């Protein structure tokens, strides 16, 4: 009698089944997800770095512009002070009217207000630059850092 696979001579049969996973899909999925998260985090970090670098460059340009505007406004205030002083002397001598002198005083005051606004803008830009570069601390404001 010929022997068939899995059958012995006494008509006993047996079967062996085994499952050998070729790939553990759960761990592959976990590794893939972890790689994706790491890649996404790296992309976000690069994007944040680019954004901060762009902001810092813009703030430096803004600070340079603010300094130039402050200088120009300061020069304008100095000229208007001279003109206002001259107008006051001319008024005392009776060469110009009170309206003319007061108009020059108004222009001087307007320029002084603009000068203060430009200085505030420059200081705000400096603080924004310090924050963007990570150099801002309570000691910058003169505080003890409590």
N, C-alpha and C. Protein backbone atom coordinates (compact mmCIF):
# COMPACT_ATOMS: atom_id res chain seq x y z
N UNK A 1 0.84 -1.15 0.00
CA UNK A 1 0.00 0.00 0.00
C UNK A 1 0.89 1.22 0.00
N UNK A 2 0.63 2.10 -0.90
CA UNK A 2 1.47 3.30 -0.98
C UNK A 2 1.15 4.24 0.18
N UNK A 3 2.16 4.92 0.63
CA UNK A 3 2.01 5.85 1.76
C UNK A 3 1.68 7.22 1.18
N UNK A 4 0.63 7.78 1.68
CA UNK A 4 0.24 9.12 1.25
C UNK A 4 0.75 10.13 2.28
N UNK A 5 0.82 11.33 1.85
CA UNK A 5 1.36 12.37 2.74
C UNK A 5 0.49 12.50 3.97
N UNK A 6 1.11 12.42 5.14
CA UNK A 6 0.42 12.61 6.39
C UNK A 6 -0.27 11.36 6.90
N UNK A 7 -0.12 10.27 6.26
CA UNK A 7 -0.78 9.05 6.70
C UNK A 7 0.28 8.00 6.96
N UNK A 8 0.18 7.29 8.09
CA UNK A 8 1.14 6.22 8.32
C UNK A 8 0.50 4.89 7.99
N UNK A 9 1.14 3.77 8.24
CA UNK A 9 0.65 2.47 7.84
C UNK A 9 -0.55 2.00 8.65
N UNK A 10 -0.71 2.53 9.82
CA UNK A 10 -1.83 2.09 10.65
C UNK A 10 -3.05 2.97 10.45
N UNK A 11 -3.07 3.69 9.43
CA UNK A 11 -4.17 4.59 9.10
C UNK A 11 -4.32 5.75 10.08
N UNK A 12 -3.29 6.04 10.76
CA UNK A 12 -3.27 7.25 11.59
C UNK A 12 -2.84 8.42 10.72
N UNK A 13 -3.42 9.52 10.93
CA UNK A 13 -3.00 10.69 10.16
C UNK A 13 -2.74 11.87 11.12
N UNK A 14 -1.94 12.72 10.69
CA UNK A 14 -1.66 13.91 11.50
C UNK A 14 -1.45 15.09 10.55
N UNK A 15 -1.65 16.20 11.11
CA UNK A 15 -1.51 17.43 10.35
C UNK A 15 -0.78 18.45 11.21
N UNK A 16 0.10 19.12 10.65
CA UNK A 16 0.81 20.19 11.36
C UNK A 16 0.57 21.49 10.58
N UNK A 17 0.06 22.45 11.29
CA UNK A 17 -0.15 23.77 10.68
C UNK A 17 0.66 24.78 11.47
N UNK A 18 1.28 25.61 10.75
CA UNK A 18 2.04 26.66 11.41
C UNK A 18 1.88 27.94 10.61
N UNK A 19 1.82 29.02 11.35
CA UNK A 19 1.70 30.33 10.71
C UNK A 19 2.98 31.08 11.02
N UNK A 20 3.66 31.42 9.99
CA UNK A 20 4.89 32.18 10.13
C UNK A 20 4.65 33.52 9.45
N UNK A 21 4.56 34.59 10.26
CA UNK A 21 4.32 35.89 9.63
C UNK A 21 5.55 36.34 8.85
N UNK A 22 5.29 36.73 7.64
CA UNK A 22 6.38 37.23 6.82
C UNK A 22 6.73 38.66 7.22
N UNK A 23 5.70 39.41 7.60
CA UNK A 23 5.89 40.79 8.00
C UNK A 23 4.93 41.07 9.15
N UNK A 24 5.44 41.69 10.20
CA UNK A 24 4.58 42.11 11.30
C UNK A 24 4.02 43.48 10.94
N UNK A 25 2.81 43.48 10.38
CA UNK A 25 2.23 44.72 9.86
C UNK A 25 2.00 45.76 10.95
N UNK A 26 1.74 45.33 12.16
CA UNK A 26 1.52 46.29 13.25
C UNK A 26 2.80 47.08 13.53
N UNK A 27 3.93 46.38 13.59
CA UNK A 27 5.17 47.10 13.89
C UNK A 27 5.63 47.92 12.68
N UNK A 28 5.38 47.42 11.47
CA UNK A 28 5.71 48.19 10.28
C UNK A 28 4.90 49.47 10.25
N UNK A 29 3.63 49.36 10.60
CA UNK A 29 2.76 50.53 10.63
C UNK A 29 3.25 51.51 11.70
N UNK A 30 3.63 51.02 12.86
CA UNK A 30 4.13 51.88 13.94
C UNK A 30 5.42 52.58 13.53
N UNK A 31 6.32 51.87 12.91
CA UNK A 31 7.59 52.45 12.44
C UNK A 31 7.30 53.51 11.38
N UNK A 32 6.40 53.19 10.46
CA UNK A 32 6.06 54.13 9.40
C UNK A 32 5.44 55.40 9.98
N UNK A 33 4.55 55.23 10.95
CA UNK A 33 3.90 56.38 11.58
C UNK A 33 4.93 57.22 12.34
N UNK A 34 5.84 56.58 13.03
CA UNK A 34 6.88 57.29 13.77
C UNK A 34 7.79 58.06 12.82
N UNK A 35 8.16 57.44 11.71
CA UNK A 35 8.98 58.13 10.72
C UNK A 35 8.26 59.35 10.15
N UNK A 36 6.97 59.18 9.88
CA UNK A 36 6.18 60.29 9.35
C UNK A 36 6.12 61.43 10.37
N UNK A 37 5.89 61.09 11.63
CA UNK A 37 5.82 62.13 12.67
C UNK A 37 7.17 62.85 12.80
N UNK A 38 8.25 62.09 12.75
CA UNK A 38 9.58 62.70 12.84
C UNK A 38 9.83 63.61 11.65
N UNK A 39 9.45 63.16 10.47
CA UNK A 39 9.62 63.96 9.26
C UNK A 39 8.77 65.22 9.34
N UNK A 40 7.54 65.09 9.80
CA UNK A 40 6.66 66.26 9.94
C UNK A 40 7.22 67.24 10.95
N UNK A 41 7.73 66.74 12.07
CA UNK A 41 8.31 67.62 13.08
C UNK A 41 9.53 68.35 12.52
N UNK A 42 10.35 67.65 11.77
CA UNK A 42 11.53 68.28 11.17
C UNK A 42 11.11 69.36 10.16
N UNK A 43 10.08 69.07 9.38
CA UNK A 43 9.57 70.07 8.42
C UNK A 43 9.02 71.29 9.14
N UNK A 44 8.27 71.06 10.22
CA UNK A 44 7.72 72.19 10.99
C UNK A 44 8.85 73.01 11.60
N UNK A 45 9.87 72.34 12.11
CA UNK A 45 11.01 73.06 12.70
C UNK A 45 11.72 73.91 11.64
N UNK A 46 11.91 73.36 10.44
CA UNK A 46 12.54 74.13 9.37
C UNK A 46 11.68 75.33 9.01
N UNK A 47 10.38 75.14 8.95
CA UNK A 47 9.47 76.22 8.59
C UNK A 47 9.49 77.32 9.66
N UNK A 48 9.49 76.92 10.92
CA UNK A 48 9.56 77.90 12.01
C UNK A 48 10.88 78.66 11.94
N UNK A 49 11.97 77.95 11.70
CA UNK A 49 13.28 78.60 11.60
C UNK A 49 13.29 79.61 10.46
N UNK A 50 12.73 79.21 9.29
CA UNK A 50 12.67 80.14 8.16
C UNK A 50 11.81 81.35 8.50
N UNK A 51 10.70 81.13 9.17
CA UNK A 51 9.81 82.22 9.55
C UNK A 51 10.51 83.19 10.50
N UNK A 52 11.21 82.64 11.48
CA UNK A 52 11.94 83.49 12.44
C UNK A 52 13.05 84.25 11.73
N UNK A 53 13.79 83.59 10.85
CA UNK A 53 14.86 84.27 10.12
C UNK A 53 14.30 85.41 9.27
N UNK A 54 13.18 85.16 8.62
CA UNK A 54 12.55 86.21 7.81
C UNK A 54 12.10 87.36 8.70
N UNK A 55 11.48 87.05 9.82
CA UNK A 55 11.02 88.09 10.74
C UNK A 55 12.20 88.92 11.26
N UNK A 56 13.30 88.25 11.59
CA UNK A 56 14.48 88.97 12.09
C UNK A 56 15.03 89.89 11.01
N UNK A 57 15.12 89.40 9.77
CA UNK A 57 15.60 90.26 8.67
C UNK A 57 14.69 91.47 8.49
N UNK A 58 13.38 91.23 8.53
CA UNK A 58 12.43 92.34 8.36
C UNK A 58 12.54 93.34 9.50
N UNK A 59 12.73 92.82 10.72
CA UNK A 59 12.85 93.70 11.87
C UNK A 59 14.13 94.54 11.80
N UNK A 60 15.22 93.94 11.32
CA UNK A 60 16.46 94.71 11.16
C UNK A 60 16.25 95.84 10.15
N UNK A 61 15.57 95.53 9.04
CA UNK A 61 15.28 96.56 8.05
C UNK A 61 14.37 97.64 8.65
N UNK A 62 13.37 97.20 9.39
CA UNK A 62 12.45 98.15 10.03
C UNK A 62 13.20 99.03 11.03
N UNK A 63 14.14 98.43 11.76
CA UNK A 63 14.92 99.21 12.73
C UNK A 63 15.79 100.24 12.00
N UNK A 64 16.41 99.85 10.91
CA UNK A 64 17.21 100.80 10.13
C UNK A 64 16.36 101.95 9.61
N UNK A 65 15.17 101.62 9.13
CA UNK A 65 14.25 102.65 8.65
C UNK A 65 13.82 103.56 9.79
N UNK A 66 13.51 102.95 10.94
CA UNK A 66 13.09 103.75 12.09
C UNK A 66 14.20 104.70 12.54
N UNK A 67 15.43 104.24 12.51
CA UNK A 67 16.56 105.12 12.88
C UNK A 67 16.69 106.29 11.91
N UNK A 68 16.59 105.99 10.62
CA UNK A 68 16.69 107.07 9.62
C UNK A 68 15.55 108.08 9.78
N UNK A 69 14.33 107.58 10.00
CA UNK A 69 13.19 108.48 10.19
C UNK A 69 13.36 109.32 11.45
N UNK A 70 13.91 108.71 12.48
CA UNK A 70 14.14 109.44 13.72
C UNK A 70 15.16 110.56 13.50
N UNK A 71 16.21 110.27 12.75
CA UNK A 71 17.22 111.30 12.45
C UNK A 71 16.61 112.44 11.64
N UNK A 72 15.83 112.09 10.62
CA UNK A 72 15.21 113.13 9.78
C UNK A 72 14.24 113.98 10.60
N UNK A 73 13.46 113.33 11.43
CA UNK A 73 12.49 114.06 12.25
C UNK A 73 13.20 114.94 13.28
N UNK A 74 14.30 114.43 13.82
CA UNK A 74 15.09 115.22 14.77
C UNK A 74 15.65 116.47 14.09
N UNK A 75 16.14 116.30 12.87
CA UNK A 75 16.63 117.46 12.11
C UNK A 75 15.50 118.46 11.86
N UNK A 76 14.32 117.96 11.52
CA UNK A 76 13.17 118.83 11.27
C UNK A 76 12.80 119.61 12.53
N UNK A 77 12.83 118.93 13.69
CA UNK A 77 12.52 119.61 14.95
C UNK A 77 13.54 120.71 15.21
N UNK A 78 14.82 120.43 14.98
CA UNK A 78 15.86 121.44 15.21
C UNK A 78 15.65 122.65 14.32
N UNK A 79 15.33 122.42 13.04
CA UNK A 79 15.08 123.54 12.12
C UNK A 79 13.85 124.34 12.56
N UNK A 80 12.80 123.62 12.94
CA UNK A 80 11.57 124.31 13.34
C UNK A 80 11.75 125.08 14.66
N UNK A 81 12.63 124.60 15.52
CA UNK A 81 12.93 125.36 16.75
C UNK A 81 13.60 126.69 16.38
N UNK A 82 14.52 126.62 15.43
CA UNK A 82 15.19 127.85 15.00
C UNK A 82 14.19 128.82 14.38
N UNK A 83 13.31 128.26 13.54
CA UNK A 83 12.31 129.11 12.88
C UNK A 83 11.36 129.70 13.93
N UNK A 84 10.92 128.89 14.89
CA UNK A 84 10.00 129.38 15.92
C UNK A 84 10.67 130.46 16.76
N UNK A 85 11.94 130.26 17.10
CA UNK A 85 12.66 131.28 17.87
C UNK A 85 12.79 132.57 17.06
N UNK A 86 13.08 132.42 15.79
CA UNK A 86 13.21 133.59 14.91
C UNK A 86 11.87 134.32 14.80
N UNK A 87 10.79 133.55 14.65
CA UNK A 87 9.46 134.16 14.54
C UNK A 87 9.09 134.89 15.83
N UNK A 88 9.48 134.32 16.97
CA UNK A 88 9.18 134.98 18.24
C UNK A 88 9.91 136.33 18.33
N UNK A 89 11.16 136.35 17.90
CA UNK A 89 11.93 137.60 17.89
C UNK A 89 11.31 138.60 16.92
N UNK A 90 10.89 138.13 15.75
CA UNK A 90 10.28 139.03 14.77
C UNK A 90 8.95 139.55 15.28
N UNK A 91 8.21 138.72 16.02
CA UNK A 91 6.93 139.17 16.59
C UNK A 91 7.18 140.27 17.62
N UNK A 92 8.22 140.07 18.46
CA UNK A 92 8.54 141.08 19.46
C UNK A 92 8.92 142.41 18.82
N UNK A 93 9.54 142.31 17.64
CA UNK A 93 9.92 143.54 16.91
C UNK A 93 8.77 144.09 16.08
N UNK A 94 7.67 143.34 16.03
CA UNK A 94 6.51 143.81 15.28
C UNK A 94 6.59 143.52 13.80
N UNK A 95 7.46 142.59 13.39
CA UNK A 95 7.63 142.30 11.96
C UNK A 95 6.66 141.23 11.45
N UNK A 96 6.16 140.36 12.34
CA UNK A 96 5.21 139.31 11.94
C UNK A 96 4.03 139.34 12.88
N UNK A 97 2.93 138.79 12.40
CA UNK A 97 1.71 138.79 13.22
C UNK A 97 1.76 137.65 14.25
N UNK A 98 0.87 137.79 15.22
CA UNK A 98 0.75 136.76 16.25
C UNK A 98 0.35 135.42 15.63
N UNK A 99 -0.53 135.45 14.64
CA UNK A 99 -0.97 134.22 13.96
C UNK A 99 0.21 133.49 13.32
N UNK A 100 1.08 134.24 12.67
CA UNK A 100 2.25 133.64 12.00
C UNK A 100 3.17 132.99 13.02
N UNK A 101 3.41 133.68 14.13
CA UNK A 101 4.28 133.12 15.16
C UNK A 101 3.66 131.87 15.78
N UNK A 102 2.38 131.93 16.08
CA UNK A 102 1.71 130.78 16.68
C UNK A 102 1.64 129.59 15.72
N UNK A 103 1.50 129.88 14.43
CA UNK A 103 1.50 128.81 13.43
C UNK A 103 2.84 128.08 13.44
N UNK A 104 3.93 128.84 13.55
CA UNK A 104 5.26 128.20 13.61
C UNK A 104 5.44 127.41 14.91
N UNK A 105 4.88 127.91 15.99
CA UNK A 105 4.93 127.17 17.26
C UNK A 105 4.13 125.86 17.14
N UNK A 106 2.99 125.93 16.46
CA UNK A 106 2.18 124.73 16.25
C UNK A 106 2.94 123.70 15.43
N UNK A 107 3.61 124.14 14.37
CA UNK A 107 4.41 123.22 13.55
C UNK A 107 5.55 122.60 14.36
N UNK A 108 6.17 123.39 15.23
CA UNK A 108 7.22 122.86 16.09
C UNK A 108 6.66 121.80 17.03
N UNK A 109 5.55 122.08 17.66
CA UNK A 109 4.94 121.12 18.58
C UNK A 109 4.54 119.84 17.85
N UNK A 110 3.99 119.99 16.67
CA UNK A 110 3.62 118.83 15.86
C UNK A 110 4.85 117.97 15.53
N UNK A 111 5.95 118.62 15.20
CA UNK A 111 7.19 117.90 14.90
C UNK A 111 7.74 117.20 16.14
N UNK A 112 7.63 117.85 17.30
CA UNK A 112 8.11 117.23 18.54
C UNK A 112 7.29 115.99 18.89
N UNK A 113 5.99 116.05 18.66
CA UNK A 113 5.13 114.88 18.89
C UNK A 113 5.51 113.76 17.93
N UNK A 114 5.73 114.11 16.67
CA UNK A 114 6.15 113.11 15.68
C UNK A 114 7.48 112.48 16.07
N UNK A 115 8.41 113.29 16.59
CA UNK A 115 9.71 112.78 17.03
C UNK A 115 9.53 111.75 18.15
N UNK A 116 8.66 112.04 19.10
CA UNK A 116 8.41 111.10 20.19
C UNK A 116 7.77 109.81 19.67
N UNK A 117 6.85 109.94 18.73
CA UNK A 117 6.22 108.75 18.14
C UNK A 117 7.26 107.89 17.42
N UNK A 118 8.16 108.52 16.71
CA UNK A 118 9.21 107.78 16.00
C UNK A 118 10.13 107.06 16.99
N UNK A 119 10.44 107.72 18.10
CA UNK A 119 11.28 107.09 19.12
C UNK A 119 10.58 105.88 19.73
N UNK A 120 9.29 106.01 20.01
CA UNK A 120 8.53 104.87 20.55
C UNK A 120 8.52 103.72 19.54
N UNK A 121 8.30 104.03 18.28
CA UNK A 121 8.31 102.99 17.24
C UNK A 121 9.66 102.29 17.17
N UNK A 122 10.74 103.08 17.27
CA UNK A 122 12.09 102.49 17.24
C UNK A 122 12.30 101.56 18.43
N UNK A 123 11.86 101.98 19.61
CA UNK A 123 12.02 101.13 20.80
C UNK A 123 11.19 99.85 20.71
N UNK A 124 9.99 99.98 20.19
CA UNK A 124 9.15 98.78 20.02
C UNK A 124 9.82 97.81 19.05
N UNK A 125 10.40 98.33 17.99
CA UNK A 125 11.10 97.49 17.02
C UNK A 125 12.29 96.80 17.67
N UNK A 126 13.01 97.51 18.52
CA UNK A 126 14.15 96.90 19.22
C UNK A 126 13.67 95.76 20.11
N UNK A 127 12.59 95.98 20.86
CA UNK A 127 12.06 94.92 21.72
C UNK A 127 11.58 93.72 20.90
N UNK A 128 10.92 94.00 19.79
CA UNK A 128 10.46 92.89 18.93
C UNK A 128 11.65 92.11 18.40
N UNK A 129 12.72 92.80 18.05
CA UNK A 129 13.93 92.15 17.56
C UNK A 129 14.56 91.30 18.66
N UNK A 130 14.61 91.82 19.88
CA UNK A 130 15.14 91.05 21.00
C UNK A 130 14.31 89.79 21.26
N UNK A 131 13.00 89.91 21.18
CA UNK A 131 12.12 88.76 21.38
C UNK A 131 12.33 87.73 20.28
N UNK A 132 12.40 88.20 19.03
CA UNK A 132 12.55 87.28 17.89
C UNK A 132 13.88 86.54 17.93
N UNK A 133 14.93 87.17 18.47
CA UNK A 133 16.23 86.51 18.52
C UNK A 133 16.46 85.77 19.83
N UNK A 134 15.48 85.81 20.73
CA UNK A 134 15.60 85.09 21.99
C UNK A 134 16.49 85.78 23.00
N UNK A 135 16.75 87.05 22.83
CA UNK A 135 17.64 87.78 23.74
C UNK A 135 16.88 88.68 24.71
N UNK A 136 15.58 88.60 24.71
CA UNK A 136 14.78 89.43 25.60
C UNK A 136 14.74 88.79 26.98
N UNK A 137 14.97 89.60 28.01
CA UNK A 137 14.89 89.11 29.39
C UNK A 137 14.46 90.27 30.27
N UNK A 138 14.04 89.98 31.50
CA UNK A 138 13.63 91.06 32.39
C UNK A 138 14.74 92.09 32.65
N UNK A 139 15.99 91.68 32.54
CA UNK A 139 17.08 92.62 32.77
C UNK A 139 17.14 93.67 31.66
N UNK A 140 16.61 93.34 30.48
CA UNK A 140 16.56 94.32 29.39
C UNK A 140 15.68 95.50 29.80
N UNK A 141 14.63 95.21 30.54
CA UNK A 141 13.71 96.26 30.99
C UNK A 141 14.19 96.92 32.28
N UNK A 142 15.30 96.43 32.82
CA UNK A 142 15.82 96.98 34.06
C UNK A 142 15.26 96.29 35.29
N UNK A 143 14.54 95.18 35.08
CA UNK A 143 13.99 94.43 36.21
C UNK A 143 14.96 93.39 36.68
N UNK A 144 14.68 92.83 37.83
CA UNK A 144 15.56 91.82 38.41
C UNK A 144 15.23 90.41 37.99
N UNK A 145 14.16 90.21 37.28
CA UNK A 145 13.79 88.88 36.83
C UNK A 145 13.09 88.05 37.88
N UNK A 146 12.34 88.71 38.79
CA UNK A 146 11.61 87.98 39.84
C UNK A 146 10.49 87.19 39.27
